[in-house]
C-alpha atoms as a PDB file:
ATOM      1  CA  UNK A   1      11.367  -3.468  -5.358  1.00  0.00           C
ATOM      2  CA  UNK A   2      14.219  -5.701  -6.454  1.00  0.00           C
ATOM      3  CA  UNK A   3      13.689  -4.590 -10.065  1.00  0.00           C
ATOM      4  CA  UNK A   4      14.386  -0.999  -9.065  1.00  0.00           C
ATOM      5  CA  UNK A   5      16.873  -1.363  -6.221  1.00  0.00           C
ATOM      6  CA  UNK A   6      18.633  -4.670  -6.986  1.00  0.00           C
ATOM      7  CA  UNK A   7      20.381  -6.302  -4.022  1.00  0.00           C
ATOM      8  CA  UNK A   8      20.014  -3.093  -2.004  1.00  0.00           C
ATOM      9  CA  UNK A   9      16.308  -3.841  -1.685  1.00  0.00           C
ATOM     10  CA  UNK A  10      17.165  -6.406   1.012  1.00  0.00           C
ATOM     11  CA  UNK A  11      20.220  -4.855   2.638  1.00  0.00           C
ATOM     12  CA  UNK A  12      20.286  -3.277   6.062  1.00  0.00           C
ATOM     13  CA  UNK A  13      19.276  -3.762   9.685  1.00  0.00           C
ATOM     14  CA  UNK A  14      15.663  -4.211  10.730  1.00  0.00           C
ATOM     15  CA  UNK A  15      13.718  -3.438  13.889  1.00  0.00           C
ATOM     16  CA  UNK A  16      10.046  -3.808  14.745  1.00  0.00           C
ATOM     17  CA  UNK A  17       7.735  -1.492  12.827  1.00  0.00           C
ATOM     18  CA  UNK A  18       6.158  -0.161  16.015  1.00  0.00           C
ATOM     19  CA  UNK A  19       3.989   2.376  14.179  1.00  0.00           C
ATOM     20  CA  UNK A  20       2.099  -0.377  12.374  1.00  0.00           C
ATOM     21  CA  UNK A  21       2.018  -2.560  15.490  1.00  0.00           C
ATOM     22  CA  UNK A  22       0.476   0.214  17.619  1.00  0.00           C
ATOM     23  CA  UNK A  23      -2.224   0.921  15.032  1.00  0.00           C
ATOM     24  CA  UNK A  24      -2.896  -2.794  14.556  1.00  0.00           C
ATOM     25  CA  UNK A  25      -3.405  -3.110  18.317  1.00  0.00           C
ATOM     26  CA  UNK A  26      -6.291  -0.623  18.291  1.00  0.00           C
ATOM     27  CA  UNK A  27      -7.901  -2.086  15.141  1.00  0.00           C
ATOM     28  CA  UNK A  28      -7.642  -5.826  15.738  1.00  0.00           C
ATOM     29  CA  UNK A  29     -10.776  -6.135  17.896  1.00  0.00           C
ATOM     30  CA  UNK A  30     -13.028  -4.531  15.269  1.00  0.00           C
ATOM     31  CA  UNK A  31     -11.461  -5.563  11.971  1.00  0.00           C
ATOM     32  CA  UNK A  32      -9.929  -8.626  10.359  1.00  0.00           C
ATOM     33  CA  UNK A  33      -6.405  -7.520   9.541  1.00  0.00           C
ATOM     34  CA  UNK A  34      -3.123  -8.808   8.178  1.00  0.00           C
ATOM     35  CA  UNK A  35       0.152  -7.097   9.138  1.00  0.00           C
ATOM     36  CA  UNK A  36       3.062  -7.321   6.703  1.00  0.00           C
ATOM     37  CA  UNK A  37       6.576  -6.096   7.526  1.00  0.00           C
ATOM     38  CA  UNK A  38       7.988  -6.983   4.151  1.00  0.00           C
ATOM     39  CA  UNK A  39      11.765  -6.715   4.527  1.00  0.00           C
ATOM     40  CA  UNK A  40      12.380  -9.071   7.466  1.00  0.00           C
ATOM     41  CA  UNK A  41       9.740 -11.444   6.098  1.00  0.00           C
ATOM     42  CA  UNK A  42      11.435 -11.556   2.659  1.00  0.00           C
ATOM     43  CA  UNK A  43       7.987 -10.691   1.358  1.00  0.00           C
ATOM     44  CA  UNK A  44       8.381 -10.041  -2.369  1.00  0.00           C
ATOM     45  CA  UNK A  45       6.312  -8.014  -4.815  1.00  0.00           C
ATOM     46  CA  UNK A  46       4.888 -11.259  -6.192  1.00  0.00           C
ATOM     47  CA  UNK A  47       3.928 -12.319  -2.659  1.00  0.00           C
ATOM     48  CA  UNK A  48       2.151  -8.982  -2.237  1.00  0.00           C
ATOM     49  CA  UNK A  49       0.246  -9.342  -5.502  1.00  0.00           C
ATOM     50  CA  UNK A  50      -0.822 -12.871  -4.574  1.00  0.00           C
ATOM     51  CA  UNK A  51      -2.051 -11.736  -1.153  1.00  0.00           C
ATOM     52  CA  UNK A  52      -3.991  -8.822  -2.634  1.00  0.00           C
ATOM     53  CA  UNK A  53      -5.671 -11.026  -5.248  1.00  0.00           C
ATOM     54  CA  UNK A  54      -6.546 -13.721  -2.714  1.00  0.00           C
ATOM     55  CA  UNK A  55      -7.911 -11.476   0.036  1.00  0.00           C
ATOM     56  CA  UNK A  56      -9.351  -8.392  -1.729  1.00  0.00           C
ATOM     57  CA  UNK A  57      -8.785  -6.029   1.190  1.00  0.00           C
ATOM     58  CA  UNK A  58     -11.192  -3.144   1.733  1.00  0.00           C
ATOM     59  CA  UNK A  59      -8.304  -1.038   3.044  1.00  0.00           C
ATOM     60  CA  UNK A  60      -4.536  -1.263   2.706  1.00  0.00           C
ATOM     61  CA  UNK A  61      -2.363   0.810   5.030  1.00  0.00           C
ATOM     62  CA  UNK A  62       1.225   1.805   4.219  1.00  0.00           C
ATOM     63  CA  UNK A  63       3.634   3.485   6.632  1.00  0.00           C
ATOM     64  CA  UNK A  64       6.950   4.956   5.535  1.00  0.00           C
ATOM     65  CA  UNK A  65       9.681   7.473   6.281  1.00  0.00           C
ATOM     66  CA  UNK A  66      11.191   9.899   3.761  1.00  0.00           C
ATOM     67  CA  UNK A  67      14.171   7.684   2.733  1.00  0.00           C
ATOM     68  CA  UNK A  68      11.613   5.029   1.694  1.00  0.00           C
ATOM     69  CA  UNK A  69       9.591   7.412  -0.480  1.00  0.00           C
ATOM     70  CA  UNK A  70      10.455   5.998  -3.922  1.00  0.00           C
ATOM     71  CA  UNK A  71      10.028   2.412  -2.785  1.00  0.00           C
ATOM     72  CA  UNK A  72       6.718   3.257  -1.087  1.00  0.00           C
ATOM     73  CA  UNK A  73       5.515   5.024  -4.237  1.00  0.00           C
ATOM     74  CA  UNK A  74       6.254   1.879  -6.270  1.00  0.00           C
ATOM     75  CA  UNK A  75       4.485  -0.348  -3.740  1.00  0.00           C
ATOM     76  CA  UNK A  76       1.410   1.884  -3.575  1.00  0.00           C
ATOM     77  CA  UNK A  77       1.178   1.821  -7.384  1.00  0.00           C
ATOM     78  CA  UNK A  78       1.372  -1.983  -7.327  1.00  0.00           C
ATOM     79  CA  UNK A  79      -1.351  -2.163  -4.658  1.00  0.00           C
ATOM     80  CA  UNK A  80      -3.694   0.091  -6.623  1.00  0.00           C
ATOM     81  CA  UNK A  81      -3.188  -1.703  -9.948  1.00  0.00           C
ATOM     82  CA  UNK A  82      -3.487  -5.170  -8.393  1.00  0.00           C
ATOM     83  CA  UNK A  83      -6.458  -4.371  -6.126  1.00  0.00           C
ATOM     84  CA  UNK A  84      -8.123  -1.222  -7.551  1.00  0.00           C
ATOM     85  CA  UNK A  85     -11.097  -1.431  -5.185  1.00  0.00           C
ATOM     86  CA  UNK A  86      -8.900  -1.270  -2.076  1.00  0.00           C
ATOM     87  CA  UNK A  87      -8.695   2.132  -0.416  1.00  0.00           C
ATOM     88  CA  UNK A  88      -5.104   3.087   0.413  1.00  0.00           C
ATOM     89  CA  UNK A  89      -4.295   4.766   3.738  1.00  0.00           C
ATOM     90  CA  UNK A  90      -0.824   6.160   4.364  1.00  0.00           C
ATOM     91  CA  UNK A  91       0.782   7.159   7.656  1.00  0.00           C
ATOM     92  CA  UNK A  92       4.207   7.825   9.085  1.00  0.00           C
ATOM     93  CA  UNK A  93       6.673  10.701   9.363  1.00  0.00           C
ATOM     94  CA  UNK A  94       6.812  11.630   5.671  1.00  0.00           C
ATOM     95  CA  UNK A  95       3.139  12.296   5.065  1.00  0.00           C
ATOM     96  CA  UNK A  96       2.816  13.814   8.548  1.00  0.00           C
ATOM     97  CA  UNK A  97       5.380  16.488   7.641  1.00  0.00           C
ATOM     98  CA  UNK A  98       4.331  16.981   4.005  1.00  0.00           C
ATOM     99  CA  UNK A  99       0.719  15.837   3.613  1.00  0.00           C
ATOM    100  CA  UNK A 100      -0.308  17.906   0.599  1.00  0.00           C
ATOM    101  CA  UNK A 101       2.899  17.242  -1.337  1.00  0.00           C
ATOM    102  CA  UNK A 102       2.705  13.500  -0.617  1.00  0.00           C
ATOM    103  CA  UNK A 103      -0.901  13.304  -1.815  1.00  0.00           C
ATOM    104  CA  UNK A 104       0.020  15.158  -5.002  1.00  0.00           C
ATOM    105  CA  UNK A 105       3.122  13.104  -5.750  1.00  0.00           C
ATOM    106  CA  UNK A 106       1.397   9.759  -5.111  1.00  0.00           C
ATOM    107  CA  UNK A 107      -2.084  10.108  -6.657  1.00  0.00           C
ATOM    108  CA  UNK A 108      -3.064   6.536  -5.709  1.00  0.00           C
ATOM    109  CA  UNK A 109      -3.246   7.473  -2.001  1.00  0.00           C
ATOM    110  CA  UNK A 110      -6.862   7.838  -0.893  1.00  0.00           C
ATOM    111  CA  UNK A 111      -6.340   8.960   2.716  1.00  0.00           C
ATOM    112  CA  UNK A 112      -3.442  10.041   4.897  1.00  0.00           C
ATOM    113  CA  UNK A 113      -3.077   9.985   8.680  1.00  0.00           C
ATOM    114  CA  UNK A 114      -1.107  12.916  10.089  1.00  0.00           C
ATOM    115  CA  UNK A 115       0.683  12.392  13.408  1.00  0.00           C
ATOM    116  CA  UNK A 116      -0.214   9.661  15.891  1.00  0.00           C
ATOM    117  CA  UNK A 117      -2.523   7.080  14.376  1.00  0.00           C
ATOM    118  CA  UNK A 118      -4.016   5.225  17.326  1.00  0.00           C
ATOM    119  CA  UNK A 119      -7.088   7.455  17.679  1.00  0.00           C
ATOM    120  CA  UNK A 120      -7.213   8.916  14.172  1.00  0.00           C
ATOM    121  CA  UNK A 121      -7.186   5.652  12.207  1.00  0.00           C
ATOM    122  CA  UNK A 122     -10.237   4.045  13.874  1.00  0.00           C
ATOM    123  CA  UNK A 123     -12.144   7.341  13.538  1.00  0.00           C
ATOM    124  CA  UNK A 124     -11.198   7.588   9.863  1.00  0.00           C
ATOM    125  CA  UNK A 125     -12.258   4.019   9.080  1.00  0.00           C
ATOM    126  CA  UNK A 126     -15.553   4.530  10.909  1.00  0.00           C
ATOM    127  CA  UNK A 127     -16.198   7.729   8.953  1.00  0.00           C
ATOM    128  CA  UNK A 128     -15.467   6.063   5.607  1.00  0.00           C
ATOM    129  CA  UNK A 129     -17.502   2.934   6.293  1.00  0.00           C
ATOM    130  CA  UNK A 130     -20.488   4.799   7.720  1.00  0.00           C
ATOM    131  CA  UNK A 131     -20.260   7.696   5.220  1.00  0.00           C
ATOM    132  CA  UNK A 132     -19.713  10.359   7.863  1.00  0.00           C
ATOM    133  CA  UNK A 133     -18.294  13.826   7.250  1.00  0.00           C
ATOM    134  CA  UNK A 134     -14.536  13.366   6.838  1.00  0.00           C
ATOM    135  CA  UNK A 135     -13.875  17.021   7.582  1.00  0.00           C
ATOM    136  CA  UNK A 136     -14.779  16.310  11.213  1.00  0.00           C
ATOM    137  CA  UNK A 137     -12.002  13.729  11.620  1.00  0.00           C
ATOM    138  CA  UNK A 138      -8.975  15.578  12.956  1.00  0.00           C
ATOM    139  CA  UNK A 139      -5.506  14.767  11.665  1.00  0.00           C
ATOM    140  CA  UNK A 140      -6.221  13.426   8.183  1.00  0.00           C
ATOM    141  CA  UNK A 141      -5.791  14.341   4.540  1.00  0.00           C
ATOM    142  CA  UNK A 142      -8.099  13.126   1.773  1.00  0.00           C
ATOM    143  CA  UNK A 143      -9.379  13.982  -1.696  1.00  0.00           C
ATOM    144  CA  UNK A 144     -12.621  15.771  -2.502  1.00  0.00           C
ATOM    145  CA  UNK A 145     -13.570  16.943  -5.989  1.00  0.00           C
ATOM    146  CA  UNK A 146      -9.971  16.429  -7.142  1.00  0.00           C
ATOM    147  CA  UNK A 147      -8.685  18.657  -4.342  1.00  0.00           C
ATOM    148  CA  UNK A 148      -6.483  17.621  -1.431  1.00  0.00           C
ATOM    149  CA  UNK A 149      -8.150  18.437   1.873  1.00  0.00           C
ATOM    150  CA  UNK A 150      -6.394  18.612   5.255  1.00  0.00           C
ATOM    151  CA  UNK A 151      -8.436  18.663   8.447  1.00  0.00           C
ATOM    152  CA  UNK A 152      -7.626  20.300  11.776  1.00  0.00           C
ATOM    153  CA  UNK A 153      -4.692  19.269  13.927  1.00  0.00           C
ATOM    154  CA  UNK A 154      -5.177  16.178  16.076  1.00  0.00           C
ATOM    155  CA  UNK A 155      -3.936  16.829  19.643  1.00  0.00           C
ATOM    156  CA  UNK A 156      -1.205  14.502  20.860  1.00  0.00           C
ATOM    157  CA  UNK A 157      -2.428  11.642  23.037  1.00  0.00           C
ATOM    158  CA  UNK A 158      -1.990  12.967  26.596  1.00  0.00           C
ATOM    159  CA  UNK A 159      -2.006   9.643  28.478  1.00  0.00           C
ATOM    160  CA  UNK A 160       0.169   7.112  26.670  1.00  0.00           C
ATOM    161  CA  UNK A 161      -1.017   4.292  28.916  1.00  0.00           C
ATOM    162  CA  UNK A 162      -4.416   4.479  27.176  1.00  0.00           C
ATOM    163  CA  UNK A 163      -2.698   3.154  24.040  1.00  0.00           C
ATOM    164  CA  UNK A 164      -2.699  -0.674  23.855  1.00  0.00           C
ATOM    165  CA  UNK A 165       0.598  -2.520  23.812  1.00  0.00           C
ATOM    166  CA  UNK A 166       1.847  -2.883  20.213  1.00  0.00           C
ATOM    167  CA  UNK A 167       0.645  -6.044  18.459  1.00  0.00           C
ATOM    168  CA  UNK A 168       4.045  -7.685  18.240  1.00  0.00           C
ATOM    169  CA  UNK A 169       2.436 -11.103  17.859  1.00  0.00           C
ATOM    170  CA  UNK A 170       1.502 -10.002  14.323  1.00  0.00           C
ATOM    171  CA  UNK A 171       5.132  -9.146  13.468  1.00  0.00           C
ATOM    172  CA  UNK A 172       7.943 -11.527  12.384  1.00  0.00           C
ATOM    173  CA  UNK A 173       9.769 -11.078  15.682  1.00  0.00           C
ATOM    174  CA  UNK A 174      12.349 -13.818  15.092  1.00  0.00           C
ATOM    175  CA  UNK A 175      13.710 -12.037  12.029  1.00  0.00           C
ATOM    176  CA  UNK A 176      14.667  -8.635  13.447  1.00  0.00           C
ATOM    177  CA  UNK A 177      18.353  -7.738  13.672  1.00  0.00           C
ATOM    178  CA  UNK A 178      19.114  -4.080  14.549  1.00  0.00           C
ATOM    179  CA  UNK A 179      22.129  -2.029  13.483  1.00  0.00           C
ATOM    180  CA  UNK A 180      25.235  -3.969  14.651  1.00  0.00           C
ATOM    181  CA  UNK A 181      26.520  -1.085  16.790  1.00  0.00           C
ATOM    182  CA  UNK A 182      23.224  -1.052  18.728  1.00  0.00           C
ATOM    183  CA  UNK A 183      23.510  -4.401  20.491  1.00  0.00           C
ATOM    184  CA  UNK A 184      25.788  -7.102  21.884  1.00  0.00           C
ATOM    185  CA  UNK A 185      23.369 -10.036  22.125  1.00  0.00           C
ATOM    186  CA  UNK A 186      20.412 -11.245  20.117  1.00  0.00           C
ATOM    187  CA  UNK A 187      17.438 -11.317  20.224  1.00  0.00           C
ATOM    188  CA  UNK A 188      17.367  -7.527  20.629  1.00  0.00           C
ATOM    189  CA  UNK A 189      14.140  -5.544  20.388  1.00  0.00           C
ATOM    190  CA  UNK A 190      13.003  -1.941  20.625  1.00  0.00           C
ATOM    191  CA  UNK A 191      10.350  -0.125  22.649  1.00  0.00           C
ATOM    192  CA  UNK A 192       9.238   3.367  23.643  1.00  0.00           C
ATOM    193  CA  UNK A 193       8.861   4.707  27.176  1.00  0.00           C
ATOM    194  CA  UNK A 194       8.056   8.264  26.075  1.00  0.00           C
ATOM    195  CA  UNK A 195       6.892  10.247  23.062  1.00  0.00           C
ATOM    196  CA  UNK A 196       7.929  13.794  22.200  1.00  0.00           C
ATOM    197  CA  UNK A 197      10.965  16.014  22.715  1.00  0.00           C
ATOM    198  CA  UNK A 198      11.226  19.665  23.876  1.00  0.00           C
ATOM    199  CA  UNK A 199      14.270  20.499  21.718  1.00  0.00           C
ATOM    200  CA  UNK A 200      14.614  21.595  18.077  1.00  0.00           C
ATOM    201  CA  UNK A 201      17.693  19.905  16.617  1.00  0.00           C
ATOM    202  CA  UNK A 202      17.960  20.671  12.897  1.00  0.00           C
ATOM    203  CA  UNK A 203      18.798  17.067  11.938  1.00  0.00           C
ATOM    204  CA  UNK A 204      15.832  15.456  13.692  1.00  0.00           C
ATOM    205  CA  UNK A 205      12.346  14.767  12.370  1.00  0.00           C
ATOM    206  CA  UNK A 206      10.833  14.752  15.883  1.00  0.00           C
ATOM    207  CA  UNK A 207       7.751  12.704  15.039  1.00  0.00           C
ATOM    208  CA  UNK A 208       5.850  13.227  18.306  1.00  0.00           C
ATOM    209  CA  UNK A 209       5.898  16.975  18.890  1.00  0.00           C
ATOM    210  CA  UNK A 210       7.407  19.247  21.537  1.00  0.00           C
ATOM    211  CA  UNK A 211       5.525  17.984  24.584  1.00  0.00           C
ATOM    212  CA  UNK A 212       7.122  14.926  26.137  1.00  0.00           C
ATOM    213  CA  UNK A 213       4.680  12.305  27.422  1.00  0.00           C
ATOM    214  CA  UNK A 214       5.595   9.338  29.620  1.00  0.00           C
ATOM    215  CA  UNK A 215       4.354   5.805  29.945  1.00  0.00           C
ATOM    216  CA  UNK A 216       3.814   4.815  33.555  1.00  0.00           C
ATOM    217  CA  UNK A 217       6.672   2.711  34.879  1.00  0.00           C
ATOM    218  CA  UNK A 218       4.431  -0.351  35.515  1.00  0.00           C
ATOM    219  CA  UNK A 219       3.437  -0.250  31.836  1.00  0.00           C
ATOM    220  CA  UNK A 220       7.101  -0.056  30.786  1.00  0.00           C
ATOM    221  CA  UNK A 221       7.982  -3.018  33.008  1.00  0.00           C
ATOM    222  CA  UNK A 222       5.065  -5.027  31.586  1.00  0.00           C
ATOM    223  CA  UNK A 223       6.250  -4.428  28.013  1.00  0.00           C
ATOM    224  CA  UNK A 224       9.795  -5.409  28.976  1.00  0.00           C
ATOM    225  CA  UNK A 225       8.463  -8.586  30.607  1.00  0.00           C
ATOM    226  CA  UNK A 226       6.622  -9.498  27.393  1.00  0.00           C
ATOM    227  CA  UNK A 227       9.752  -8.955  25.292  1.00  0.00           C
ATOM    228  CA  UNK A 228      11.805 -11.147  27.619  1.00  0.00           C
ATOM    229  CA  UNK A 229       9.311 -13.925  28.397  1.00  0.00           C
ATOM    230  CA  UNK A 230       7.469 -14.166  25.080  1.00  0.00           C
ATOM    231  CA  UNK A 231      10.257 -13.305  22.643  1.00  0.00           C
ATOM    232  CA  UNK A 232      13.426 -14.211  24.542  1.00  0.00           C
ATOM    233  CA  UNK A 233      14.940 -10.726  24.470  1.00  0.00           C
ATOM    234  CA  UNK A 234      18.578 -10.580  25.571  1.00  0.00           C
ATOM    235  CA  UNK A 235      18.680  -6.813  25.083  1.00  0.00           C
ATOM    236  CA  UNK A 236      16.084  -4.037  24.794  1.00  0.00           C
ATOM    237  CA  UNK A 237      16.706  -0.690  23.101  1.00  0.00           C
ATOM    238  CA  UNK A 238      14.740   2.330  24.293  1.00  0.00           C
ATOM    239  CA  UNK A 239      14.093   4.197  21.053  1.00  0.00           C
ATOM    240  CA  UNK A 240      12.662   7.318  22.707  1.00  0.00           C
ATOM    241  CA  UNK A 241      13.516  10.604  21.043  1.00  0.00           C
ATOM    242  CA  UNK A 242      15.122  11.713  24.327  1.00  0.00           C
ATOM    243  CA  UNK A 243      15.078   8.952  26.931  1.00  0.00           C
ATOM    244  CA  UNK A 244      16.980  10.799  29.704  1.00  0.00           C
ATOM    245  CA  UNK A 245      15.056  14.084  29.638  1.00  0.00           C
ATOM    246  CA  UNK A 246      13.586  13.533  33.115  1.00  0.00           C
ATOM    247  CA  UNK A 247      16.358  12.331  35.399  1.00  0.00           C
ATOM    248  CA  UNK A 248      14.148  11.022  38.193  1.00  0.00           C
ATOM    249  CA  UNK A 249      12.007   9.001  35.771  1.00  0.00           C
ATOM    250  CA  UNK A 250      15.107   7.113  34.595  1.00  0.00           C
ATOM    251  CA  UNK A 251      16.225   6.482  38.184  1.00  0.00           C
ATOM    252  CA  UNK A 252      12.755   5.236  39.163  1.00  0.00           C
ATOM    253  CA  UNK A 253      12.606   2.967  36.117  1.00  0.00           C
ATOM    254  CA  UNK A 254      16.048   1.522  36.869  1.00  0.00           C
ATOM    255  CA  UNK A 255      15.015   0.940  40.504  1.00  0.00           C
ATOM    256  CA  UNK A 256      11.997  -1.058  39.327  1.00  0.00           C
END
């Protein structure tokens, strides 16, 4: 928030929040949803409060990494005080690595999604809405009788092409400007061709596990085509954890 962080609240490069866009893509056919990427939209705390009061969401999802923890904690508190009947779901690298600690340090969180959210989030929402046993939903954390519960590990999605293309049409695509050293021409957007990495570098969070999984090259080309034709991309950044791990894959992609 600007009250807490001053001018630094709006400083820094921005790229598409692909985590939210991927989850939105699997939810949009079954739920009415609004996707907010606050920083590039210049979406203020007052804007958030107004939206929450107008819409009265059943669920509000928040995704964040560890450097955003204090800001996310503030935002979650604002959501809960402004719209106390909304259930708050949290996902992203921070809660995936430290689910119990995150639930304890931010008591307003109702549910957490651990790891990839494209399968887990729809299952979780279905279980909540239809009052099913939450302990059967793999890859979540929740509260029961004032205790934090963590369910079994959700396997990584084996076939990435089963995941819908991220819902970029719900994002403020015209407002993204990556780190200056990342690009030469704008617009410049990001995408993933793989998930996972087999190595264990001490400085890396490694959000998608040890097993590397590949999108099919036709799927990669289709996403590139969308970025170029629909959003005017002059450059595309592959934000894979280790893009060149399979040499032949890179050659085949470049040939296409």
